[in-house]
Amino acid sequence: MDHPVTTANFDVVLQLLGRMNYAWTNTETLLVHFIAGLAGVDKETAIVIFLTLNTTRARFDLVDRLAKMGRIGSKGRDEILSFTAQMKEVLKHKNQYNHCLYSFDADGGNAKTIMMRIAETKHGIKFGKENDLDAAEMKRIRESIDRIETLNRTAWRLIVAHKFPA
């Protein structure tokens, strides 16, 4: 989208964010295969473990810790840690849109996101950070989608290479 985001074309933003969340969920669930292979359990057990861990961070922590246990070689460990590190970077961008409000000026233009997170400092708190939702940010959203899709292919390559239960 090369023109400003307005209330008139906001559906484009929502479609992209839906696609980003779909791509993310499709890729995050591949951690089931990593858990199964690294923990030496069947896929059904790995699904129970995955669903019991109620945050993405906990799932990444588990995969990272299992990879560091030494059951796979250092090359495999490093590949998995690189994969999860890249996923965590994309997650930060995705979460910006899952934890924000959207605002427009009185004419329905000048779209912004308003973060719904609290940042604590030594002597106070801050919240409501605003960011422009402009052409540059739309490009960044598309790049995040592309990156997630690439990471999905990377995950499958690792699953096959390490013979994790598929």
N, C-alpha and C. Protein backbone atom coordinates (compact mmCIF):
# COMPACT_ATOMS: atom_id res chain seq x y z
N MET A 1 0.86 -1.16 0.00
CA MET A 1 0.00 0.00 0.00
C MET A 1 0.90 1.22 0.00
N ASP A 2 0.86 1.99 -1.07
CA ASP A 2 1.73 3.15 -1.20
C ASP A 2 1.07 4.43 -0.71
N HIS A 3 -0.21 4.40 -0.47
CA HIS A 3 -0.90 5.59 0.01
C HIS A 3 -1.19 5.44 1.50
N PRO A 4 -1.51 6.53 2.18
CA PRO A 4 -1.70 6.47 3.63
C PRO A 4 -2.84 5.53 4.02
N VAL A 5 -2.70 4.94 5.19
CA VAL A 5 -3.75 4.09 5.73
C VAL A 5 -4.84 5.00 6.31
N THR A 6 -6.07 4.73 5.90
CA THR A 6 -7.23 5.49 6.37
C THR A 6 -8.31 4.51 6.77
N THR A 7 -9.40 5.05 7.31
CA THR A 7 -10.52 4.17 7.63
C THR A 7 -11.08 3.53 6.37
N ALA A 8 -10.94 4.20 5.23
CA ALA A 8 -11.48 3.68 3.96
C ALA A 8 -10.73 2.44 3.48
N ASN A 9 -9.44 2.35 3.74
CA ASN A 9 -8.66 1.19 3.26
C ASN A 9 -8.09 0.34 4.40
N PHE A 10 -8.62 0.50 5.60
CA PHE A 10 -8.12 -0.22 6.77
C PHE A 10 -8.31 -1.73 6.65
N ASP A 11 -9.28 -2.16 5.84
CA ASP A 11 -9.48 -3.60 5.65
C ASP A 11 -8.22 -4.28 5.10
N VAL A 12 -7.44 -3.56 4.32
CA VAL A 12 -6.19 -4.12 3.79
C VAL A 12 -5.25 -4.45 4.95
N VAL A 13 -5.17 -3.56 5.92
CA VAL A 13 -4.33 -3.79 7.10
C VAL A 13 -4.83 -5.03 7.85
N LEU A 14 -6.13 -5.09 8.06
CA LEU A 14 -6.69 -6.23 8.80
C LEU A 14 -6.46 -7.55 8.07
N GLN A 15 -6.54 -7.54 6.75
CA GLN A 15 -6.27 -8.76 5.98
C GLN A 15 -4.81 -9.18 6.13
N LEU A 16 -3.91 -8.22 6.08
CA LEU A 16 -2.49 -8.55 6.25
C LEU A 16 -2.20 -9.09 7.65
N LEU A 17 -2.81 -8.48 8.65
CA LEU A 17 -2.59 -8.95 10.02
C LEU A 17 -3.19 -10.33 10.23
N GLY A 18 -4.31 -10.59 9.59
CA GLY A 18 -4.89 -11.94 9.64
C GLY A 18 -3.97 -12.95 8.99
N ARG A 19 -3.39 -12.56 7.87
CA ARG A 19 -2.45 -13.46 7.19
C ARG A 19 -1.20 -13.69 8.04
N MET A 20 -0.72 -12.62 8.70
CA MET A 20 0.46 -12.76 9.55
C MET A 20 0.15 -13.71 10.72
N ASN A 21 -1.01 -13.56 11.34
CA ASN A 21 -1.37 -14.45 12.45
C ASN A 21 -1.56 -15.89 11.98
N TYR A 22 -2.15 -16.07 10.81
CA TYR A 22 -2.32 -17.42 10.26
C TYR A 22 -0.95 -18.06 10.01
N ALA A 23 -0.06 -17.32 9.35
CA ALA A 23 1.28 -17.85 9.06
C ALA A 23 2.02 -18.16 10.35
N TRP A 24 1.88 -17.28 11.34
CA TRP A 24 2.55 -17.50 12.63
C TRP A 24 2.05 -18.78 13.30
N THR A 25 0.75 -18.92 13.42
CA THR A 25 0.18 -20.08 14.10
C THR A 25 0.57 -21.36 13.39
N ASN A 26 0.54 -21.32 12.07
CA ASN A 26 0.93 -22.47 11.26
C ASN A 26 2.38 -22.86 11.53
N THR A 27 3.23 -21.88 11.78
CA THR A 27 4.65 -22.14 12.01
C THR A 27 4.93 -22.48 13.47
N GLU A 28 4.30 -21.77 14.40
CA GLU A 28 4.53 -22.06 15.82
C GLU A 28 4.14 -23.49 16.16
N THR A 29 3.07 -24.00 15.57
CA THR A 29 2.64 -25.36 15.89
C THR A 29 3.64 -26.41 15.43
N LEU A 30 4.55 -26.05 14.55
CA LEU A 30 5.60 -26.99 14.14
C LEU A 30 6.55 -27.30 15.29
N LEU A 31 6.52 -26.48 16.34
CA LEU A 31 7.33 -26.77 17.52
C LEU A 31 6.95 -28.12 18.13
N VAL A 32 5.74 -28.59 17.88
CA VAL A 32 5.33 -29.92 18.35
C VAL A 32 6.33 -30.97 17.87
N HIS A 33 6.74 -30.89 16.61
CA HIS A 33 7.67 -31.87 16.05
C HIS A 33 9.05 -31.75 16.71
N PHE A 34 9.47 -30.52 17.00
CA PHE A 34 10.74 -30.31 17.68
C PHE A 34 10.69 -30.91 19.09
N ILE A 35 9.59 -30.66 19.79
CA ILE A 35 9.44 -31.20 21.15
C ILE A 35 9.47 -32.72 21.11
N ALA A 36 8.72 -33.31 20.17
CA ALA A 36 8.69 -34.77 20.07
C ALA A 36 10.08 -35.34 19.83
N GLY A 37 10.78 -34.78 18.86
CA GLY A 37 12.10 -35.29 18.51
C GLY A 37 13.14 -35.07 19.58
N LEU A 38 13.16 -33.88 20.15
CA LEU A 38 14.18 -33.54 21.14
C LEU A 38 13.92 -34.21 22.49
N ALA A 39 12.65 -34.40 22.85
CA ALA A 39 12.32 -35.03 24.13
C ALA A 39 12.21 -36.55 24.01
N GLY A 40 12.22 -37.04 22.78
CA GLY A 40 12.12 -38.48 22.59
C GLY A 40 10.75 -39.04 22.92
N VAL A 41 9.71 -38.27 22.58
CA VAL A 41 8.34 -38.73 22.83
C VAL A 41 7.58 -38.79 21.51
N ASP A 42 6.41 -39.43 21.54
CA ASP A 42 5.61 -39.48 20.31
C ASP A 42 4.93 -38.12 20.09
N LYS A 43 4.39 -37.95 18.89
CA LYS A 43 3.80 -36.67 18.52
C LYS A 43 2.60 -36.32 19.40
N GLU A 44 1.80 -37.30 19.77
CA GLU A 44 0.63 -37.04 20.61
C GLU A 44 1.05 -36.50 21.97
N THR A 45 2.08 -37.08 22.55
CA THR A 45 2.60 -36.59 23.83
C THR A 45 3.14 -35.17 23.67
N ALA A 46 3.83 -34.93 22.57
CA ALA A 46 4.36 -33.59 22.31
C ALA A 46 3.24 -32.57 22.16
N ILE A 47 2.12 -32.98 21.57
CA ILE A 47 0.97 -32.07 21.44
C ILE A 47 0.45 -31.70 22.82
N VAL A 48 0.35 -32.68 23.72
CA VAL A 48 -0.12 -32.40 25.08
C VAL A 48 0.84 -31.43 25.77
N ILE A 49 2.13 -31.65 25.62
CA ILE A 49 3.13 -30.76 26.22
C ILE A 49 2.99 -29.36 25.63
N PHE A 50 2.90 -29.26 24.31
CA PHE A 50 2.77 -27.98 23.61
C PHE A 50 1.55 -27.21 24.12
N LEU A 51 0.42 -27.89 24.20
CA LEU A 51 -0.82 -27.22 24.61
C LEU A 51 -0.85 -26.90 26.10
N THR A 52 -0.10 -27.65 26.90
CA THR A 52 -0.02 -27.37 28.33
C THR A 52 0.79 -26.11 28.60
N LEU A 53 1.79 -25.87 27.77
CA LEU A 53 2.58 -24.64 27.89
C LEU A 53 1.75 -23.53 27.27
N ASN A 54 1.25 -22.62 28.10
CA ASN A 54 0.25 -21.67 27.60
C ASN A 54 0.80 -20.38 27.03
N THR A 55 2.12 -20.28 26.87
CA THR A 55 2.68 -19.10 26.21
C THR A 55 3.68 -19.53 25.15
N THR A 56 3.80 -18.71 24.16
CA THR A 56 4.79 -18.96 23.11
C THR A 56 6.19 -18.95 23.70
N ARG A 57 6.43 -18.03 24.62
CA ARG A 57 7.76 -17.95 25.25
C ARG A 57 8.11 -19.26 25.94
N ALA A 58 7.17 -19.86 26.65
CA ALA A 58 7.43 -21.13 27.33
C ALA A 58 7.75 -22.23 26.33
N ARG A 59 7.06 -22.22 25.20
CA ARG A 59 7.31 -23.23 24.17
C ARG A 59 8.71 -23.07 23.59
N PHE A 60 9.10 -21.83 23.32
CA PHE A 60 10.45 -21.59 22.81
C PHE A 60 11.50 -21.97 23.86
N ASP A 61 11.25 -21.61 25.12
CA ASP A 61 12.19 -21.97 26.19
C ASP A 61 12.38 -23.48 26.25
N LEU A 62 11.29 -24.23 26.15
CA LEU A 62 11.39 -25.69 26.20
C LEU A 62 12.22 -26.22 25.03
N VAL A 63 11.91 -25.78 23.81
CA VAL A 63 12.66 -26.26 22.64
C VAL A 63 14.13 -25.89 22.77
N ASP A 64 14.41 -24.65 23.17
CA ASP A 64 15.81 -24.23 23.33
C ASP A 64 16.54 -25.10 24.37
N ARG A 65 15.89 -25.34 25.49
CA ARG A 65 16.53 -26.13 26.55
C ARG A 65 16.73 -27.58 26.13
N LEU A 66 15.75 -28.14 25.44
CA LEU A 66 15.90 -29.51 24.95
C LEU A 66 17.04 -29.59 23.94
N ALA A 67 17.15 -28.58 23.08
CA ALA A 67 18.24 -28.57 22.08
C ALA A 67 19.61 -28.48 22.75
N LYS A 68 19.67 -27.83 23.90
CA LYS A 68 20.95 -27.66 24.61
C LYS A 68 21.33 -28.87 25.46
N MET A 69 20.47 -29.85 25.54
CA MET A 69 20.74 -31.02 26.39
C MET A 69 21.79 -31.96 25.81
N GLY A 70 22.16 -31.78 24.58
CA GLY A 70 23.23 -32.59 24.00
C GLY A 70 22.78 -33.87 23.33
N ARG A 71 21.49 -34.03 23.13
CA ARG A 71 20.99 -35.25 22.48
C ARG A 71 21.15 -35.20 20.96
N ILE A 72 21.37 -34.02 20.45
CA ILE A 72 21.68 -33.86 19.03
C ILE A 72 23.04 -33.19 18.95
N GLY A 73 23.67 -33.25 17.83
CA GLY A 73 24.99 -32.65 17.69
C GLY A 73 24.97 -31.14 17.80
N SER A 74 26.15 -30.57 17.91
CA SER A 74 26.25 -29.12 18.06
C SER A 74 25.71 -28.38 16.83
N LYS A 75 25.88 -28.96 15.65
CA LYS A 75 25.34 -28.33 14.44
C LYS A 75 23.82 -28.26 14.51
N GLY A 76 23.19 -29.36 14.90
CA GLY A 76 21.73 -29.39 15.04
C GLY A 76 21.25 -28.43 16.11
N ARG A 77 21.95 -28.43 17.23
CA ARG A 77 21.60 -27.50 18.32
C ARG A 77 21.64 -26.07 17.82
N ASP A 78 22.74 -25.71 17.13
CA ASP A 78 22.89 -24.34 16.65
C ASP A 78 21.83 -23.97 15.62
N GLU A 79 21.47 -24.92 14.77
CA GLU A 79 20.41 -24.66 13.78
C GLU A 79 19.07 -24.40 14.46
N ILE A 80 18.77 -25.20 15.45
CA ILE A 80 17.50 -25.04 16.16
C ILE A 80 17.49 -23.73 16.95
N LEU A 81 18.58 -23.42 17.63
CA LEU A 81 18.64 -22.16 18.38
C LEU A 81 18.56 -20.95 17.46
N SER A 82 19.16 -21.05 16.29
CA SER A 82 19.06 -19.97 15.30
C SER A 82 17.62 -19.81 14.83
N PHE A 83 16.97 -20.93 14.56
CA PHE A 83 15.57 -20.92 14.13
C PHE A 83 14.69 -20.25 15.19
N THR A 84 14.81 -20.68 16.45
CA THR A 84 13.95 -20.11 17.49
C THR A 84 14.27 -18.64 17.73
N ALA A 85 15.53 -18.25 17.61
CA ALA A 85 15.90 -16.83 17.77
C ALA A 85 15.24 -15.99 16.68
N GLN A 86 15.24 -16.49 15.46
CA GLN A 86 14.60 -15.76 14.37
C GLN A 86 13.08 -15.67 14.58
N MET A 87 12.50 -16.75 15.07
CA MET A 87 11.06 -16.74 15.36
C MET A 87 10.73 -15.70 16.44
N LYS A 88 11.58 -15.62 17.46
CA LYS A 88 11.34 -14.66 18.54
C LYS A 88 11.40 -13.22 18.03
N GLU A 89 12.29 -12.96 17.08
CA GLU A 89 12.38 -11.61 16.50
C GLU A 89 11.10 -11.24 15.77
N VAL A 90 10.58 -12.16 14.97
CA VAL A 90 9.34 -11.90 14.23
C VAL A 90 8.17 -11.77 15.21
N LEU A 91 8.20 -12.55 16.28
CA LEU A 91 7.14 -12.51 17.28
C LEU A 91 6.98 -11.11 17.86
N LYS A 92 8.09 -10.43 18.09
CA LYS A 92 8.03 -9.06 18.64
C LYS A 92 7.20 -8.16 17.73
N HIS A 93 7.44 -8.26 16.42
CA HIS A 93 6.70 -7.42 15.48
C HIS A 93 5.23 -7.83 15.42
N LYS A 94 4.98 -9.13 15.37
CA LYS A 94 3.60 -9.61 15.32
C LYS A 94 2.83 -9.16 16.56
N ASN A 95 3.46 -9.26 17.71
CA ASN A 95 2.78 -8.91 18.95
C ASN A 95 2.45 -7.42 19.05
N GLN A 96 3.20 -6.59 18.34
CA GLN A 96 2.86 -5.16 18.33
C GLN A 96 1.42 -4.97 17.87
N TYR A 97 0.99 -5.79 16.93
CA TYR A 97 -0.35 -5.65 16.37
C TYR A 97 -1.39 -6.44 17.14
N ASN A 98 -0.98 -7.39 17.93
CA ASN A 98 -1.93 -8.14 18.75
C ASN A 98 -2.19 -7.45 20.08
N HIS A 99 -1.37 -6.46 20.41
CA HIS A 99 -1.50 -5.77 21.70
C HIS A 99 -1.58 -4.26 21.49
N CYS A 100 -2.42 -3.85 20.54
CA CYS A 100 -2.54 -2.42 20.30
C CYS A 100 -3.97 -2.04 19.93
N LEU A 101 -4.22 -0.75 19.99
CA LEU A 101 -5.44 -0.15 19.47
C LEU A 101 -5.05 0.62 18.22
N TYR A 102 -6.02 0.96 17.41
CA TYR A 102 -5.77 1.74 16.20
C TYR A 102 -6.52 3.05 16.32
N SER A 103 -5.88 4.12 15.88
CA SER A 103 -6.55 5.42 15.92
C SER A 103 -6.38 6.13 14.59
N PHE A 104 -7.31 7.01 14.32
CA PHE A 104 -7.32 7.81 13.10
C PHE A 104 -7.64 9.24 13.51
N ASP A 105 -7.25 10.20 12.67
CA ASP A 105 -7.60 11.58 12.96
C ASP A 105 -9.09 11.80 12.66
N ALA A 106 -9.57 13.02 12.88
CA ALA A 106 -10.99 13.33 12.72
C ALA A 106 -11.49 13.09 11.30
N ASP A 107 -10.59 13.10 10.33
CA ASP A 107 -10.98 12.88 8.93
C ASP A 107 -10.83 11.42 8.50
N GLY A 108 -10.48 10.54 9.43
CA GLY A 108 -10.32 9.12 9.10
C GLY A 108 -8.97 8.78 8.52
N GLY A 109 -8.01 9.67 8.65
CA GLY A 109 -6.67 9.43 8.13
C GLY A 109 -5.65 9.36 9.24
N ASN A 110 -4.37 9.47 8.88
CA ASN A 110 -3.27 9.50 9.85
C ASN A 110 -3.35 8.32 10.83
N ALA A 111 -3.41 7.11 10.29
CA ALA A 111 -3.55 5.92 11.12
C ALA A 111 -2.33 5.73 12.02
N LYS A 112 -2.63 5.32 13.24
CA LYS A 112 -1.58 5.05 14.23
C LYS A 112 -1.95 3.81 15.03
N THR A 113 -0.93 3.16 15.56
CA THR A 113 -1.16 2.11 16.55
C THR A 113 -0.85 2.70 17.91
N ILE A 114 -1.58 2.27 18.90
CA ILE A 114 -1.35 2.68 20.28
C ILE A 114 -1.10 1.41 21.08
N MET A 115 0.14 1.25 21.54
CA MET A 115 0.52 0.03 22.26
C MET A 115 -0.22 -0.07 23.59
N MET A 116 -0.71 -1.26 23.88
CA MET A 116 -1.44 -1.51 25.12
C MET A 116 -0.56 -2.33 26.07
N ARG A 117 0.61 -1.79 26.31
CA ARG A 117 1.56 -2.41 27.24
C ARG A 117 2.09 -1.35 28.18
N ILE A 118 2.46 -1.79 29.34
CA ILE A 118 3.05 -0.89 30.33
C ILE A 118 4.55 -1.10 30.32
N ALA A 119 5.28 0.01 30.25
CA ALA A 119 6.73 -0.03 30.37
C ALA A 119 7.09 0.64 31.69
N GLU A 120 7.74 -0.11 32.56
CA GLU A 120 8.12 0.44 33.86
C GLU A 120 9.53 1.00 33.80
N THR A 121 9.69 2.17 34.38
CA THR A 121 11.02 2.75 34.55
C THR A 121 11.33 2.72 36.04
N LYS A 122 12.48 3.23 36.40
CA LYS A 122 12.87 3.22 37.81
C LYS A 122 11.89 4.01 38.68
N HIS A 123 11.33 5.10 38.10
CA HIS A 123 10.50 5.99 38.91
C HIS A 123 9.07 6.15 38.40
N GLY A 124 8.66 5.36 37.44
CA GLY A 124 7.30 5.52 36.94
C GLY A 124 6.94 4.48 35.90
N ILE A 125 5.82 4.73 35.26
CA ILE A 125 5.37 3.85 34.19
C ILE A 125 5.04 4.68 32.95
N LYS A 126 5.11 4.02 31.81
CA LYS A 126 4.74 4.64 30.55
C LYS A 126 3.82 3.66 29.83
N PHE A 127 2.87 4.20 29.09
CA PHE A 127 2.00 3.34 28.29
C PHE A 127 1.42 4.18 27.17
N GLY A 128 0.83 3.51 26.20
CA GLY A 128 0.18 4.22 25.11
C GLY A 128 1.12 4.73 24.03
N LYS A 129 2.27 4.09 23.85
CA LYS A 129 3.21 4.52 22.82
C LYS A 129 2.52 4.45 21.45
N GLU A 130 2.66 5.52 20.68
CA GLU A 130 2.04 5.59 19.36
C GLU A 130 3.07 5.40 18.26
N ASN A 131 2.66 4.68 17.22
CA ASN A 131 3.48 4.50 16.02
C ASN A 131 2.63 4.74 14.79
N ASP A 132 3.21 5.38 13.79
CA ASP A 132 2.50 5.61 12.54
C ASP A 132 2.26 4.29 11.82
N LEU A 133 1.10 4.16 11.24
CA LEU A 133 0.78 3.01 10.40
C LEU A 133 0.80 3.52 8.96
N ASP A 134 2.01 3.60 8.43
CA ASP A 134 2.21 4.22 7.12
C ASP A 134 2.71 3.20 6.11
N ALA A 135 3.08 3.67 4.93
CA ALA A 135 3.54 2.77 3.87
C ALA A 135 4.77 1.96 4.31
N ALA A 136 5.67 2.58 5.04
CA ALA A 136 6.87 1.88 5.50
C ALA A 136 6.50 0.74 6.45
N GLU A 137 5.53 0.99 7.31
CA GLU A 137 5.11 -0.06 8.25
C GLU A 137 4.34 -1.17 7.53
N MET A 138 3.56 -0.80 6.53
CA MET A 138 2.86 -1.82 5.73
C MET A 138 3.88 -2.73 5.05
N LYS A 139 4.95 -2.14 4.56
CA LYS A 139 6.02 -2.92 3.93
C LYS A 139 6.64 -3.87 4.96
N ARG A 140 6.84 -3.36 6.16
CA ARG A 140 7.42 -4.16 7.23
C ARG A 140 6.51 -5.35 7.61
N ILE A 141 5.21 -5.13 7.60
CA ILE A 141 4.26 -6.22 7.88
C ILE A 141 4.39 -7.30 6.81
N ARG A 142 4.43 -6.87 5.55
CA ARG A 142 4.59 -7.84 4.45
C ARG A 142 5.91 -8.61 4.58
N GLU A 143 6.96 -7.91 4.97
CA GLU A 143 8.26 -8.57 5.15
C GLU A 143 8.20 -9.59 6.29
N SER A 144 7.47 -9.27 7.35
CA SER A 144 7.33 -10.21 8.46
C SER A 144 6.58 -11.46 8.01
N ILE A 145 5.55 -11.28 7.20
CA ILE A 145 4.81 -12.43 6.67
C ILE A 145 5.75 -13.30 5.84
N ASP A 146 6.52 -12.67 4.96
CA ASP A 146 7.47 -13.43 4.14
C ASP A 146 8.48 -14.17 5.01
N ARG A 147 8.93 -13.50 6.06
CA ARG A 147 9.92 -14.11 6.95
C ARG A 147 9.34 -15.31 7.69
N ILE A 148 8.09 -15.19 8.14
CA ILE A 148 7.44 -16.31 8.82
C ILE A 148 7.29 -17.48 7.86
N GLU A 149 6.90 -17.20 6.63
CA GLU A 149 6.74 -18.27 5.64
C GLU A 149 8.08 -18.95 5.35
N THR A 150 9.15 -18.17 5.31
CA THR A 150 10.49 -18.75 5.13
C THR A 150 10.87 -19.60 6.33
N LEU A 151 10.55 -19.12 7.53
CA LEU A 151 10.85 -19.88 8.75
C LEU A 151 10.04 -21.18 8.80
N ASN A 152 8.86 -21.17 8.24
CA ASN A 152 8.06 -22.40 8.17
C ASN A 152 8.80 -23.45 7.35
N ARG A 153 9.34 -23.03 6.21
CA ARG A 153 10.10 -23.97 5.37
C ARG A 153 11.38 -24.42 6.07
N THR A 154 12.01 -23.51 6.81
CA THR A 154 13.20 -23.87 7.58
C THR A 154 12.85 -24.92 8.64
N ALA A 155 11.73 -24.71 9.31
CA ALA A 155 11.30 -25.67 10.34
C ALA A 155 11.11 -27.05 9.73
N TRP A 156 10.45 -27.13 8.60
CA TRP A 156 10.24 -28.43 7.97
C TRP A 156 11.56 -29.06 7.55
N ARG A 157 12.48 -28.24 7.07
CA ARG A 157 13.80 -28.77 6.69
C ARG A 157 14.49 -29.38 7.91
N LEU A 158 14.41 -28.70 9.05
CA LEU A 158 15.03 -29.21 10.28
C LEU A 158 14.32 -30.46 10.79
N ILE A 159 13.01 -30.48 10.70
CA ILE A 159 12.24 -31.65 11.14
C ILE A 159 12.66 -32.88 10.35
N VAL A 160 12.77 -32.72 9.04
CA VAL A 160 13.16 -33.84 8.18
C VAL A 160 14.62 -34.22 8.43
N ALA A 161 15.51 -33.22 8.49
CA ALA A 161 16.94 -33.48 8.65
C ALA A 161 17.25 -34.23 9.94
N HIS A 162 16.51 -33.92 11.00
CA HIS A 162 16.78 -34.54 12.30
C HIS A 162 15.85 -35.72 12.59
N LYS A 163 15.05 -36.07 11.58
CA LYS A 163 14.15 -37.22 11.70
C LYS A 163 13.21 -37.11 12.91
N PHE A 164 12.73 -35.88 13.16
CA PHE A 164 11.75 -35.68 14.22
C PHE A 164 10.42 -36.25 13.75
N PRO A 165 9.60 -36.76 14.66
CA PRO A 165 8.29 -37.30 14.26
C PRO A 165 7.48 -36.25 13.49
N ALA A 166 7.02 -36.64 12.32
CA ALA A 166 6.21 -35.73 11.50
C ALA A 166 4.79 -36.23 11.50
